[in-house]
Structures are given as C-alpha cells and as structure tokens.
Amino acid sequence: MEHDPIAALTRAVNADDPINSLAAIAEFRRELARMEAVAVRRARAQGASWTEIAAALGLSKQAVHKKHGGRGLFRTQD
C-alpha cells in the first residue's frame, strides 16, 4: 500500500495513458482541496486571520473566506 498519496498521484499523472493521467489529476485536485481545508482550519484554530491565510494562499481575503468561512466552523472576525 502506498504511504505517500501525493507521490503515487504524481507518478500516475506522469503515466503514459492520458486518460489515467486525467483521472489522477482530478484526484490530485480533490486531495489538494482537502489538504488546503485542513491547513486553513488549523490556521484559524491557532488564531490566524483571514488576511494572513489569504496572503499565504495568494488569494483575496474575500475569496478565502467565501471558500472556507461559510461553514460556521470558524470565528468570523478578522
């Protein structure tokens, strides 16, 4: 069993079969989205502001808050 899912997905993306590569890219996106959500949740739990998180992600505060803040899981003040 693969212990590093990112490494396995990277190998699959670089495979010879383009359909398998596309499927791996889609899975890679889902995994990255999951990892981002976890990191944002951790950052908020440790007191990071939406502005700090947005800067780290290279996005606007509004975009990050819209994506991650509407779930009622985080305090909303900045």
PDB file of N, CA and C in Angstrom:
ATOM      1  N   MET A   1       0.847  -1.181   0.000  1.00  0.00           N
ATOM      2  CA  MET A   1       0.000   0.000   0.000  1.00  0.00           C
ATOM      3  C   MET A   1       0.889   1.241   0.000  1.00  0.00           C
ATOM      4  N   GLU A   2       0.476   2.262  -0.743  1.00  0.00           N
ATOM      5  CA  GLU A   2       1.243   3.498  -0.876  1.00  0.00           C
ATOM      6  C   GLU A   2       1.101   4.348   0.378  1.00  0.00           C
ATOM      7  N   HIS A   3       2.236   4.762   0.943  1.00  0.00           N
ATOM      8  CA  HIS A   3       2.211   5.591   2.149  1.00  0.00           C
ATOM      9  C   HIS A   3       2.183   7.078   1.834  1.00  0.00           C
ATOM     10  N   ASP A   4       2.543   7.448   0.628  1.00  0.00           N
ATOM     11  CA  ASP A   4       2.560   8.845   0.222  1.00  0.00           C
ATOM     12  C   ASP A   4       1.620   9.024  -0.962  1.00  0.00           C
ATOM     13  N   PRO A   5       0.374   9.419  -0.687  1.00  0.00           N
ATOM     14  CA  PRO A   5      -0.592   9.530  -1.787  1.00  0.00           C
ATOM     15  C   PRO A   5      -0.197  10.569  -2.827  1.00  0.00           C
ATOM     16  N   ILE A   6       0.480  11.628  -2.426  1.00  0.00           N
ATOM     17  CA  ILE A   6       0.900  12.651  -3.385  1.00  0.00           C
ATOM     18  C   ILE A   6       1.923  12.068  -4.363  1.00  0.00           C
ATOM     19  N   ALA A   7       2.878  11.298  -3.850  1.00  0.00           N
ATOM     20  CA  ALA A   7       3.873  10.667  -4.725  1.00  0.00           C
ATOM     21  C   ALA A   7       3.200   9.701  -5.699  1.00  0.00           C
ATOM     22  N   ALA A   8       2.247   8.930  -5.212  1.00  0.00           N
ATOM     23  CA  ALA A   8       1.534   7.985  -6.076  1.00  0.00           C
ATOM     24  C   ALA A   8       0.754   8.729  -7.156  1.00  0.00           C
ATOM     25  N   LEU A   9       0.085   9.830  -6.779  1.00  0.00           N
ATOM     26  CA  LEU A   9      -0.659  10.605  -7.763  1.00  0.00           C
ATOM     27  C   LEU A   9       0.272  11.251  -8.778  1.00  0.00           C
ATOM     28  N   THR A  10       1.420  11.708  -8.334  1.00  0.00           N
ATOM     29  CA  THR A  10       2.397  12.306  -9.253  1.00  0.00           C
ATOM     30  C   THR A  10       2.849  11.285 -10.289  1.00  0.00           C
ATOM     31  N   ARG A  11       3.124  10.073  -9.843  1.00  0.00           N
ATOM     32  CA  ARG A  11       3.506   9.022 -10.791  1.00  0.00           C
ATOM     33  C   ARG A  11       2.373   8.732 -11.762  1.00  0.00           C
ATOM     34  N   ALA A  12       1.148   8.697 -11.265  1.00  0.00           N
ATOM     35  CA  ALA A  12       0.002   8.414 -12.123  1.00  0.00           C
ATOM     36  C   ALA A  12      -0.223   9.545 -13.131  1.00  0.00           C
ATOM     37  N   VAL A  13      -0.011  10.781 -12.718  1.00  0.00           N
ATOM     38  CA  VAL A  13      -0.165  11.915 -13.629  1.00  0.00           C
ATOM     39  C   VAL A  13       0.826  11.808 -14.779  1.00  0.00           C
ATOM     40  N   ASN A  14       2.013  11.313 -14.484  1.00  0.00           N
ATOM     41  CA  ASN A  14       3.065  11.198 -15.494  1.00  0.00           C
ATOM     42  C   ASN A  14       3.027   9.884 -16.263  1.00  0.00           C
ATOM     43  N   ALA A  15       1.971   9.111 -16.089  1.00  0.00           N
ATOM     44  CA  ALA A  15       1.841   7.830 -16.779  1.00  0.00           C
ATOM     45  C   ALA A  15       1.650   8.047 -18.282  1.00  0.00           C
ATOM     46  N   ASP A  16       1.864   6.990 -19.030  1.00  0.00           N
ATOM     47  CA  ASP A  16       1.742   7.063 -20.490  1.00  0.00           C
ATOM     48  C   ASP A  16       0.298   7.224 -20.968  1.00  0.00           C
ATOM     49  N   ASP A  17      -0.651   6.684 -20.235  1.00  0.00           N
ATOM     50  CA  ASP A  17      -2.058   6.730 -20.643  1.00  0.00           C
ATOM     51  C   ASP A  17      -2.674   8.068 -20.227  1.00  0.00           C
ATOM     52  N   PRO A  18      -3.060   8.895 -21.205  1.00  0.00           N
ATOM     53  CA  PRO A  18      -3.584  10.220 -20.860  1.00  0.00           C
ATOM     54  C   PRO A  18      -4.897  10.177 -20.077  1.00  0.00           C
ATOM     55  N   ILE A  19      -5.717   9.172 -20.289  1.00  0.00           N
ATOM     56  CA  ILE A  19      -6.979   9.073 -19.536  1.00  0.00           C
ATOM     57  C   ILE A  19      -6.684   8.793 -18.068  1.00  0.00           C
ATOM     58  N   ASN A  20      -5.749   7.887 -17.809  1.00  0.00           N
ATOM     59  CA  ASN A  20      -5.352   7.639 -16.423  1.00  0.00           C
ATOM     60  C   ASN A  20      -4.702   8.874 -15.818  1.00  0.00           C
ATOM     61  N   SER A  21      -3.934   9.604 -16.603  1.00  0.00           N
ATOM     62  CA  SER A  21      -3.316  10.844 -16.126  1.00  0.00           C
ATOM     63  C   SER A  21      -4.389  11.858 -15.727  1.00  0.00           C
ATOM     64  N   LEU A  22      -5.422  11.995 -16.558  1.00  0.00           N
ATOM     65  CA  LEU A  22      -6.500  12.931 -16.251  1.00  0.00           C
ATOM     66  C   LEU A  22      -7.246  12.532 -14.982  1.00  0.00           C
ATOM     67  N   ALA A  23      -7.488  11.249 -14.815  1.00  0.00           N
ATOM     68  CA  ALA A  23      -8.150  10.776 -13.598  1.00  0.00           C
ATOM     69  C   ALA A  23      -7.281  11.069 -12.372  1.00  0.00           C
ATOM     70  N   ALA A  24      -5.980  10.887 -12.515  1.00  0.00           N
ATOM     71  CA  ALA A  24      -5.064  11.176 -11.407  1.00  0.00           C
ATOM     72  C   ALA A  24      -5.043  12.671 -11.095  1.00  0.00           C
ATOM     73  N   ILE A  25      -5.110  13.507 -12.126  1.00  0.00           N
ATOM     74  CA  ILE A  25      -5.144  14.959 -11.919  1.00  0.00           C
ATOM     75  C   ILE A  25      -6.404  15.352 -11.149  1.00  0.00           C
ATOM     76  N   ALA A  26      -7.526  14.766 -11.495  1.00  0.00           N
ATOM     77  CA  ALA A  26      -8.778  15.052 -10.785  1.00  0.00           C
ATOM     78  C   ALA A  26      -8.663  14.638  -9.323  1.00  0.00           C
ATOM     79  N   GLU A  27      -8.082  13.479  -9.071  1.00  0.00           N
ATOM     80  CA  GLU A  27      -7.890  13.016  -7.688  1.00  0.00           C
ATOM     81  C   GLU A  27      -6.904  13.918  -6.964  1.00  0.00           C
ATOM     82  N   PHE A  28      -5.861  14.374  -7.660  1.00  0.00           N
ATOM     83  CA  PHE A  28      -4.875  15.287  -7.094  1.00  0.00           C
ATOM     84  C   PHE A  28      -5.570  16.573  -6.633  1.00  0.00           C
ATOM     85  N   ARG A  29      -6.463  17.103  -7.471  1.00  0.00           N
ATOM     86  CA  ARG A  29      -7.213  18.313  -7.105  1.00  0.00           C
ATOM     87  C   ARG A  29      -8.027  18.101  -5.839  1.00  0.00           C
ATOM     88  N   ARG A  30      -8.708  16.956  -5.758  1.00  0.00           N
ATOM     89  CA  ARG A  30      -9.515  16.670  -4.569  1.00  0.00           C
ATOM     90  C   ARG A  30      -8.633  16.578  -3.329  1.00  0.00           C
ATOM     91  N   GLU A  31      -7.492  15.915  -3.456  1.00  0.00           N
ATOM     92  CA  GLU A  31      -6.575  15.766  -2.324  1.00  0.00           C
ATOM     93  C   GLU A  31      -6.012  17.118  -1.905  1.00  0.00           C
ATOM     94  N   LEU A  32      -5.628  17.951  -2.863  1.00  0.00           N
ATOM     95  CA  LEU A  32      -5.109  19.280  -2.533  1.00  0.00           C
ATOM     96  C   LEU A  32      -6.181  20.142  -1.866  1.00  0.00           C
ATOM     97  N   ALA A  33      -7.416  20.045  -2.326  1.00  0.00           N
ATOM     98  CA  ALA A  33      -8.510  20.799  -1.710  1.00  0.00           C
ATOM     99  C   ALA A  33      -8.718  20.350  -0.269  1.00  0.00           C
ATOM    100  N   ARG A  34      -8.640  19.052  -0.045  1.00  0.00           N
ATOM    101  CA  ARG A  34      -8.777  18.527   1.316  1.00  0.00           C
ATOM    102  C   ARG A  34      -7.643  19.034   2.195  1.00  0.00           C
ATOM    103  N   MET A  35      -6.417  18.974   1.679  1.00  0.00           N
ATOM    104  CA  MET A  35      -5.252  19.427   2.436  1.00  0.00           C
ATOM    105  C   MET A  35      -5.349  20.923   2.739  1.00  0.00           C
ATOM    106  N   GLU A  36      -5.818  21.705   1.764  1.00  0.00           N
ATOM    107  CA  GLU A  36      -5.988  23.136   1.981  1.00  0.00           C
ATOM    108  C   GLU A  36      -7.001  23.407   3.079  1.00  0.00           C
ATOM    109  N   ALA A  37      -8.127  22.714   3.044  1.00  0.00           N
ATOM    110  CA  ALA A  37      -9.162  22.910   4.058  1.00  0.00           C
ATOM    111  C   ALA A  37      -8.637  22.580   5.455  1.00  0.00           C
ATOM    112  N   VAL A  38      -7.877  21.512   5.567  1.00  0.00           N
ATOM    113  CA  VAL A  38      -7.300  21.130   6.862  1.00  0.00           C
ATOM    114  C   VAL A  38      -6.331  22.210   7.342  1.00  0.00           C
ATOM    115  N   ALA A  39      -5.476  22.696   6.441  1.00  0.00           N
ATOM    116  CA  ALA A  39      -4.496  23.713   6.817  1.00  0.00           C
ATOM    117  C   ALA A  39      -5.188  25.019   7.219  1.00  0.00           C
ATOM    118  N   VAL A  40      -6.234  25.403   6.510  1.00  0.00           N
ATOM    119  CA  VAL A  40      -6.978  26.613   6.865  1.00  0.00           C
ATOM    120  C   VAL A  40      -7.626  26.436   8.230  1.00  0.00           C
ATOM    121  N   ARG A  41      -8.239  25.296   8.460  1.00  0.00           N
ATOM    122  CA  ARG A  41      -8.875  25.016   9.752  1.00  0.00           C
ATOM    123  C   ARG A  41      -7.856  25.100  10.886  1.00  0.00           C
ATOM    124  N   ARG A  42      -6.671  24.520  10.655  1.00  0.00           N
ATOM    125  CA  ARG A  42      -5.611  24.565  11.670  1.00  0.00           C
ATOM    126  C   ARG A  42      -5.131  25.993  11.908  1.00  0.00           C
ATOM    127  N   ALA A  43      -4.962  26.740  10.818  1.00  0.00           N
ATOM    128  CA  ALA A  43      -4.512  28.126  10.947  1.00  0.00           C
ATOM    129  C   ALA A  43      -5.515  28.953  11.747  1.00  0.00           C
ATOM    130  N   ARG A  44      -6.794  28.802  11.430  1.00  0.00           N
ATOM    131  CA  ARG A  44      -7.824  29.544  12.170  1.00  0.00           C
ATOM    132  C   ARG A  44      -7.839  29.136  13.624  1.00  0.00           C
ATOM    133  N   ALA A  45      -7.710  27.833  13.898  1.00  0.00           N
ATOM    134  CA  ALA A  45      -7.715  27.347  15.284  1.00  0.00           C
ATOM    135  C   ALA A  45      -6.544  27.912  16.076  1.00  0.00           C
ATOM    136  N   GLN A  46      -5.452  28.227  15.375  1.00  0.00           N
ATOM    137  CA  GLN A  46      -4.273  28.783  16.037  1.00  0.00           C
ATOM    138  C   GLN A  46      -4.280  30.309  16.031  1.00  0.00           C
ATOM    139  N   GLY A  47      -5.382  30.906  15.582  1.00  0.00           N
ATOM    140  CA  GLY A  47      -5.545  32.349  15.675  1.00  0.00           C
ATOM    141  C   GLY A  47      -5.171  33.150  14.450  1.00  0.00           C
ATOM    142  N   ALA A  48      -4.871  32.515  13.336  1.00  0.00           N
ATOM    143  CA  ALA A  48      -4.536  33.256  12.122  1.00  0.00           C
ATOM    144  C   ALA A  48      -5.764  33.984  11.598  1.00  0.00           C
ATOM    145  N   SER A  49      -5.552  35.170  11.060  1.00  0.00           N
ATOM    146  CA  SER A  49      -6.656  35.938  10.480  1.00  0.00           C
ATOM    147  C   SER A  49      -6.905  35.476   9.044  1.00  0.00           C
ATOM    148  N   TRP A  50      -8.086  35.843   8.535  1.00  0.00           N
ATOM    149  CA  TRP A  50      -8.390  35.531   7.143  1.00  0.00           C
ATOM    150  C   TRP A  50      -7.409  36.242   6.223  1.00  0.00           C
ATOM    151  N   THR A  51      -6.955  37.430   6.617  1.00  0.00           N
ATOM    152  CA  THR A  51      -5.995  38.188   5.820  1.00  0.00           C
ATOM    153  C   THR A  51      -4.670  37.435   5.723  1.00  0.00           C
ATOM    154  N   GLU A  52      -4.201  36.887   6.832  1.00  0.00           N
ATOM    155  CA  GLU A  52      -2.947  36.118   6.828  1.00  0.00           C
ATOM    156  C   GLU A  52      -3.069  34.856   5.977  1.00  0.00           C
ATOM    157  N   ILE A  53      -4.189  34.182   6.128  1.00  0.00           N
ATOM    158  CA  ILE A  53      -4.419  32.951   5.360  1.00  0.00           C
ATOM    159  C   ILE A  53      -4.484  33.275   3.869  1.00  0.00           C
ATOM    160  N   ALA A  54      -5.205  34.333   3.529  1.00  0.00           N
ATOM    161  CA  ALA A  54      -5.330  34.738   2.121  1.00  0.00           C
ATOM    162  C   ALA A  54      -3.966  35.060   1.530  1.00  0.00           C
ATOM    163  N   ALA A  55      -3.138  35.769   2.276  1.00  0.00           N
ATOM    164  CA  ALA A  55      -1.801  36.117   1.787  1.00  0.00           C
ATOM    165  C   ALA A  55      -0.974  34.855   1.546  1.00  0.00           C
ATOM    166  N   ALA A  56      -1.062  33.911   2.447  1.00  0.00           N
ATOM    167  CA  ALA A  56      -0.308  32.662   2.296  1.00  0.00           C
ATOM    168  C   ALA A  56      -0.750  31.883   1.065  1.00  0.00           C
ATOM    169  N   LEU A  57      -2.034  31.959   0.743  1.00  0.00           N
ATOM    170  CA  LEU A  57      -2.573  31.240  -0.417  1.00  0.00           C
ATOM    171  C   LEU A  57      -2.498  32.050  -1.703  1.00  0.00           C
ATOM    172  N   GLY A  58      -2.125  33.322  -1.601  1.00  0.00           N
ATOM    173  CA  GLY A  58      -2.060  34.170  -2.788  1.00  0.00           C
ATOM    174  C   GLY A  58      -3.429  34.524  -3.334  1.00  0.00           C
ATOM    175  N   LEU A  59      -4.410  34.629  -2.438  1.00  0.00           N
ATOM    176  CA  LEU A  59      -5.781  34.934  -2.824  1.00  0.00           C
ATOM    177  C   LEU A  59      -6.279  36.141  -2.045  1.00  0.00           C
ATOM    178  N   SER A  60      -7.446  36.638  -2.416  1.00  0.00           N
ATOM    179  CA  SER A  60      -8.044  37.725  -1.648  1.00  0.00           C
ATOM    180  C   SER A  60      -8.668  37.153  -0.377  1.00  0.00           C
ATOM    181  N   LYS A  61      -8.767  38.016   0.629  1.00  0.00           N
ATOM    182  CA  LYS A  61      -9.413  37.612   1.877  1.00  0.00           C
ATOM    183  C   LYS A  61     -10.848  37.167   1.598  1.00  0.00           C
ATOM    184  N   GLN A  62     -11.528  37.887   0.717  1.00  0.00           N
ATOM    185  CA  GLN A  62     -12.922  37.556   0.409  1.00  0.00           C
ATOM    186  C   GLN A  62     -13.030  36.172  -0.226  1.00  0.00           C
ATOM    187  N   ALA A  63     -12.119  35.849  -1.135  1.00  0.00           N
ATOM    188  CA  ALA A  63     -12.165  34.539  -1.799  1.00  0.00           C
ATOM    189  C   ALA A  63     -11.931  33.409  -0.803  1.00  0.00           C
ATOM    190  N   VAL A  64     -10.975  33.605   0.084  1.00  0.00           N
ATOM    191  CA  VAL A  64     -10.676  32.560   1.069  1.00  0.00           C
ATOM    192  C   VAL A  64     -11.823  32.419   2.059  1.00  0.00           C
ATOM    193  N   HIS A  65     -12.360  33.532   2.508  1.00  0.00           N
ATOM    194  CA  HIS A  65     -13.463  33.474   3.463  1.00  0.00           C
ATOM    195  C   HIS A  65     -14.688  32.836   2.827  1.00  0.00           C
ATOM    196  N   LYS A  66     -14.951  33.158   1.562  1.00  0.00           N
ATOM    197  CA  LYS A  66     -16.092  32.558   0.862  1.00  0.00           C
ATOM    198  C   LYS A  66     -15.927  31.044   0.754  1.00  0.00           C
ATOM    199  N   LYS A  67     -14.708  30.606   0.438  1.00  0.00           N
ATOM    200  CA  LYS A  67     -14.459  29.181   0.253  1.00  0.00           C
ATOM    201  C   LYS A  67     -14.443  28.416   1.569  1.00  0.00           C
ATOM    202  N   HIS A  68     -13.843  28.999   2.603  1.00  0.00           N
ATOM    203  CA  HIS A  68     -13.617  28.252   3.841  1.00  0.00           C
ATOM    204  C   HIS A  68     -14.378  28.769   5.055  1.00  0.00           C
ATOM    205  N   GLY A  69     -14.923  29.968   4.982  1.00  0.00           N
ATOM    206  CA  GLY A  69     -15.505  30.575   6.171  1.00  0.00           C
ATOM    207  C   GLY A  69     -16.984  30.404   6.328  1.00  0.00           C
ATOM    208  N   GLY A  70     -17.675  29.970   5.304  1.00  0.00           N
ATOM    209  CA  GLY A  70     -19.122  29.889   5.355  1.00  0.00           C
ATOM    210  C   GLY A  70     -19.659  28.631   5.995  1.00  0.00           C
ATOM    211  N   ARG A  71     -18.805  27.854   6.596  1.00  0.00           N
ATOM    212  CA  ARG A  71     -19.245  26.570   7.147  1.00  0.00           C
ATOM    213  C   ARG A  71     -19.625  26.659   8.618  1.00  0.00           C
ATOM    214  N   GLY A  72     -19.483  27.860   9.220  1.00  0.00           N
ATOM    215  CA  GLY A  72     -19.835  28.013  10.621  1.00  0.00           C
ATOM    216  C   GLY A  72     -18.848  27.340  11.562  1.00  0.00           C
ATOM    217  N   LEU A  73     -17.691  26.956  11.056  1.00  0.00           N
ATOM    218  CA  LEU A  73     -16.713  26.255  11.876  1.00  0.00           C
ATOM    219  C   LEU A  73     -15.686  27.193  12.492  1.00  0.00           C
ATOM    220  N   PHE A  74     -15.630  28.422  11.981  1.00  0.00           N
ATOM    221  CA  PHE A  74     -14.589  29.341  12.408  1.00  0.00           C
ATOM    222  C   PHE A  74     -15.206  30.632  12.903  1.00  0.00           C
ATOM    223  N   ARG A  75     -14.481  31.299  13.763  1.00  0.00           N
ATOM    224  CA  ARG A  75     -14.925  32.630  14.131  1.00  0.00           C
ATOM    225  C   ARG A  75     -14.758  33.526  12.906  1.00  0.00           C
ATOM    226  N   THR A  76     -15.606  34.505  12.731  1.00  0.00           N
ATOM    227  CA  THR A  76     -15.587  35.278  11.503  1.00  0.00           C
ATOM    228  C   THR A  76     -14.891  36.615  11.643  1.00  0.00           C
ATOM    229  N   GLN A  77     -14.631  37.087  12.849  1.00  0.00           N
ATOM    230  CA  GLN A  77     -13.921  38.360  12.940  1.00  0.00           C
ATOM    231  C   GLN A  77     -12.480  38.186  12.486  1.00  0.00           C
ATOM    232  N   ASP A  78     -11.893  39.276  12.020  1.00  0.00           N
ATOM    233  CA  ASP A  78     -10.538  39.221  11.478  1.00  0.00           C
ATOM    234  C   ASP A  78      -9.589  39.913  12.363  1.00  0.00           C
TER     235      ASP A  78
END
